[in-house]
Amino acid sequence: MRLAVLCAWLALVALLVLTLPLLPARVASPGHAGQALPALGYVALLAGTSGAVLALMSAPLLGWLGRHAPLLVKVPHRRYWLAPERRDASIARLRARMWPMQLYVLLVFAFVHLHVLWHAHPEWPQAPGRIWALVLPVHVVVAAVWSIGLRRAFPKPP
C-alpha cells in the first residue's frame, strides 16, 4: 500500500507539472476572493501541501507518536489501546488504516486541481453543475465510513 500511495502522489505531482502550461498566468486563490498566485506558485503550493499532509498521516510519524507522545494519537478508547503492552499492535493497526485515507486525500487534491483547470477553461466540456453539490456529501460519507472502521478496529475494551 505504501507503494500505491507513493505512486499516487507522484502521479499527482506529474499531473500538476504537466498541466502547468494549461493554467492561467495567475490562479485564483481558493477561498480568498480577489487573490491569486502565479501558476508555478500554485503548483508548488499544491504539491507541497499534499506532500506535507501525507507526511502528517505517515506510518513513521504515527509510529514515533505512538512511542513518544501517545496522547497525541487519537483512537477510540485510547488509554486501553495505547497502553504500553498493546501500543505496538495498535499503532500497526492504525497505520494500516491510514493508507486508504491517504489515497483519498490525494484524490481530493487532484479533484481540486481539475476543478481549477475546468474553471480556467470554460471552452472545455464542463462537468454538470450539480456534481459540485456532491462534494460535501462524499466527504461526509468517506469520513463516516472511515470513522466507523476506526471504531471497529479499536472497540470498547473487554
Protein backbone atom coordinates (compact mmCIF):
# COMPACT_ATOMS: atom_id res chain seq x y z
CA MET A 1 0.00 0.00 0.00
CA ARG A 2 2.93 2.31 0.70
CA LEU A 3 3.99 1.96 -2.92
CA ALA A 4 0.45 2.76 -4.10
CA VAL A 5 0.39 5.97 -2.04
CA LEU A 6 3.85 6.98 -3.29
CA CYS A 7 2.84 6.29 -6.91
CA ALA A 8 -0.41 8.23 -6.44
CA TRP A 9 1.48 11.21 -5.02
CA LEU A 10 3.98 11.11 -7.88
CA ALA A 11 1.06 10.90 -10.33
CA LEU A 12 -0.49 13.98 -8.70
CA VAL A 13 2.79 15.89 -8.95
CA ALA A 14 3.12 14.79 -12.60
CA LEU A 15 -0.44 15.96 -13.28
CA LEU A 16 0.36 19.33 -11.71
CA VAL A 17 3.59 19.77 -13.68
CA LEU A 18 2.19 18.52 -17.00
CA THR A 19 -0.85 20.78 -16.77
CA LEU A 20 1.15 23.84 -15.71
CA PRO A 21 1.06 25.26 -19.28
CA LEU A 22 -2.75 24.96 -19.23
CA LEU A 23 -3.09 27.16 -16.17
CA PRO A 24 -3.62 30.90 -16.47
CA ALA A 25 -0.66 33.11 -15.56
CA ARG A 26 -2.33 33.79 -12.21
CA VAL A 27 -4.51 31.20 -10.49
CA ALA A 28 -7.32 32.42 -8.25
CA SER A 29 -6.68 31.53 -4.64
CA PRO A 30 -9.40 29.16 -3.42
CA GLY A 31 -11.46 30.74 -0.68
CA HIS A 32 -9.76 34.13 -0.99
CA ALA A 33 -11.71 36.26 -3.43
CA GLY A 34 -9.58 38.70 -5.36
CA GLN A 35 -6.30 36.98 -4.51
CA ALA A 36 -4.26 34.96 -6.96
CA LEU A 37 -0.98 33.06 -7.15
CA PRO A 38 1.39 32.76 -10.07
CA ALA A 39 0.74 29.43 -11.81
CA LEU A 40 4.10 27.99 -10.72
CA GLY A 41 3.45 29.10 -7.14
CA TYR A 42 0.04 27.42 -7.22
CA VAL A 43 1.57 24.15 -8.47
CA ALA A 44 4.34 24.31 -5.86
CA LEU A 45 1.79 25.07 -3.12
CA LEU A 46 -0.49 22.17 -4.10
CA ALA A 47 2.41 19.70 -4.48
CA GLY A 48 3.99 20.82 -1.22
CA THR A 49 0.74 20.85 0.73
CA SER A 50 -0.22 17.38 -0.47
CA GLY A 51 3.24 16.09 0.46
CA ALA A 52 3.02 17.71 3.90
CA VAL A 53 -0.44 16.24 4.53
CA LEU A 54 0.84 12.80 3.56
CA ALA A 55 3.81 13.20 5.87
CA LEU A 56 1.50 14.11 8.76
CA MET A 57 -0.54 10.95 8.06
CA SER A 58 2.52 8.76 7.55
CA ALA A 59 3.33 5.47 9.22
CA PRO A 60 6.72 6.64 10.55
CA LEU A 61 5.14 9.68 12.22
CA LEU A 62 2.37 7.56 13.71
CA GLY A 63 4.95 5.07 15.00
CA TRP A 64 7.04 7.85 16.53
CA LEU A 65 4.00 9.49 18.12
CA GLY A 66 2.80 6.15 19.46
CA ARG A 67 6.11 5.57 21.22
CA HIS A 68 6.95 9.11 22.35
CA ALA A 69 3.66 11.00 22.60
CA PRO A 70 0.77 8.54 22.69
CA LEU A 71 -1.59 11.23 23.98
CA LEU A 72 -1.35 12.89 20.55
CA VAL A 73 -2.64 9.75 18.80
CA LYS A 74 -6.41 9.89 18.65
CA VAL A 75 -8.11 6.49 18.61
CA PRO A 76 -11.26 5.33 20.37
CA HIS A 77 -10.56 4.11 23.92
CA ARG A 78 -7.01 5.43 23.66
CA ARG A 79 -5.97 4.64 27.23
CA TYR A 80 -6.64 0.94 26.74
CA TRP A 81 -5.39 0.53 23.16
CA LEU A 82 -2.26 2.65 23.61
CA ALA A 83 -1.23 1.10 26.93
CA PRO A 84 2.42 0.00 26.65
CA GLU A 85 1.57 -3.70 26.30
CA ARG A 86 -0.79 -3.07 23.33
CA ARG A 87 0.75 0.04 21.84
CA ASP A 88 2.83 -1.51 19.03
CA ALA A 89 -0.02 -3.68 17.74
CA SER A 90 -2.47 -0.77 17.98
CA ILE A 91 -0.18 1.61 16.12
CA ALA A 92 0.35 -1.03 13.41
CA ARG A 93 -3.43 -1.38 13.10
CA LEU A 94 -3.83 2.39 12.84
CA ARG A 95 -1.04 2.67 10.27
CA ALA A 96 -2.78 0.09 8.09
CA ARG A 97 -5.99 2.15 8.25
CA MET A 98 -4.20 5.33 7.14
CA TRP A 99 -3.23 4.10 3.65
CA PRO A 100 -6.75 4.29 2.17
CA MET A 101 -7.26 7.72 3.74
CA GLN A 102 -4.00 8.93 2.21
CA LEU A 103 -5.18 7.77 -1.22
CA TYR A 104 -8.47 9.59 -0.68
CA VAL A 105 -6.65 12.80 0.30
CA LEU A 106 -4.57 12.60 -2.87
CA LEU A 107 -7.74 12.13 -4.88
CA VAL A 108 -9.17 15.28 -3.27
CA PHE A 109 -6.05 17.27 -4.22
CA ALA A 110 -6.32 16.01 -7.80
CA PHE A 111 -10.00 16.92 -7.85
CA VAL A 112 -9.22 20.45 -6.63
CA HIS A 113 -6.65 20.86 -9.39
CA LEU A 114 -9.01 19.58 -12.07
CA HIS A 115 -11.66 21.98 -10.79
CA VAL A 116 -9.18 24.86 -11.18
CA LEU A 117 -8.36 23.70 -14.72
CA TRP A 118 -12.04 23.46 -15.70
CA HIS A 119 -12.69 26.89 -14.24
CA ALA A 120 -9.75 28.34 -16.20
CA HIS A 121 -11.03 26.82 -19.48
CA PRO A 122 -14.77 27.40 -19.86
CA GLU A 123 -14.46 26.30 -23.50
CA TRP A 124 -13.68 22.73 -22.37
CA PRO A 125 -16.54 20.32 -21.81
CA GLN A 126 -17.65 21.05 -18.27
CA ALA A 127 -18.84 18.71 -15.56
CA PRO A 128 -22.55 19.06 -14.80
CA GLY A 129 -23.13 21.86 -12.30
CA ARG A 130 -24.84 19.51 -9.87
CA ILE A 131 -21.68 17.43 -9.48
CA TRP A 132 -20.17 20.11 -7.20
CA ALA A 133 -23.11 19.66 -4.84
CA LEU A 134 -21.89 16.10 -4.25
CA VAL A 135 -18.53 17.16 -2.83
CA LEU A 136 -19.69 17.70 0.74
CA PRO A 137 -21.86 14.55 0.93
CA VAL A 138 -18.99 12.46 -0.44
CA HIS A 139 -16.64 13.86 2.22
CA VAL A 140 -19.21 13.16 4.91
CA VAL A 141 -19.70 9.57 3.73
CA VAL A 142 -15.94 8.91 3.48
CA ALA A 143 -15.37 10.38 6.95
CA ALA A 144 -18.25 8.35 8.39
CA VAL A 145 -17.08 5.08 6.82
CA TRP A 146 -13.51 5.70 7.98
CA SER A 147 -14.67 6.61 11.49
CA ILE A 148 -16.87 3.52 11.74
CA GLY A 149 -13.95 1.39 10.58
CA LEU A 150 -11.72 3.03 13.18
CA ARG A 151 -14.26 2.32 15.92
CA ARG A 152 -14.41 -1.31 14.82
CA ALA A 153 -10.61 -1.54 14.78
CA PHE A 154 -10.48 -0.14 18.33
CA PRO A 155 -13.62 -1.44 20.07
CA LYS A 156 -14.61 -0.85 23.66
CA PRO A 157 -12.13 -2.66 25.93
CA PRO A 158 -13.15 -6.05 27.27
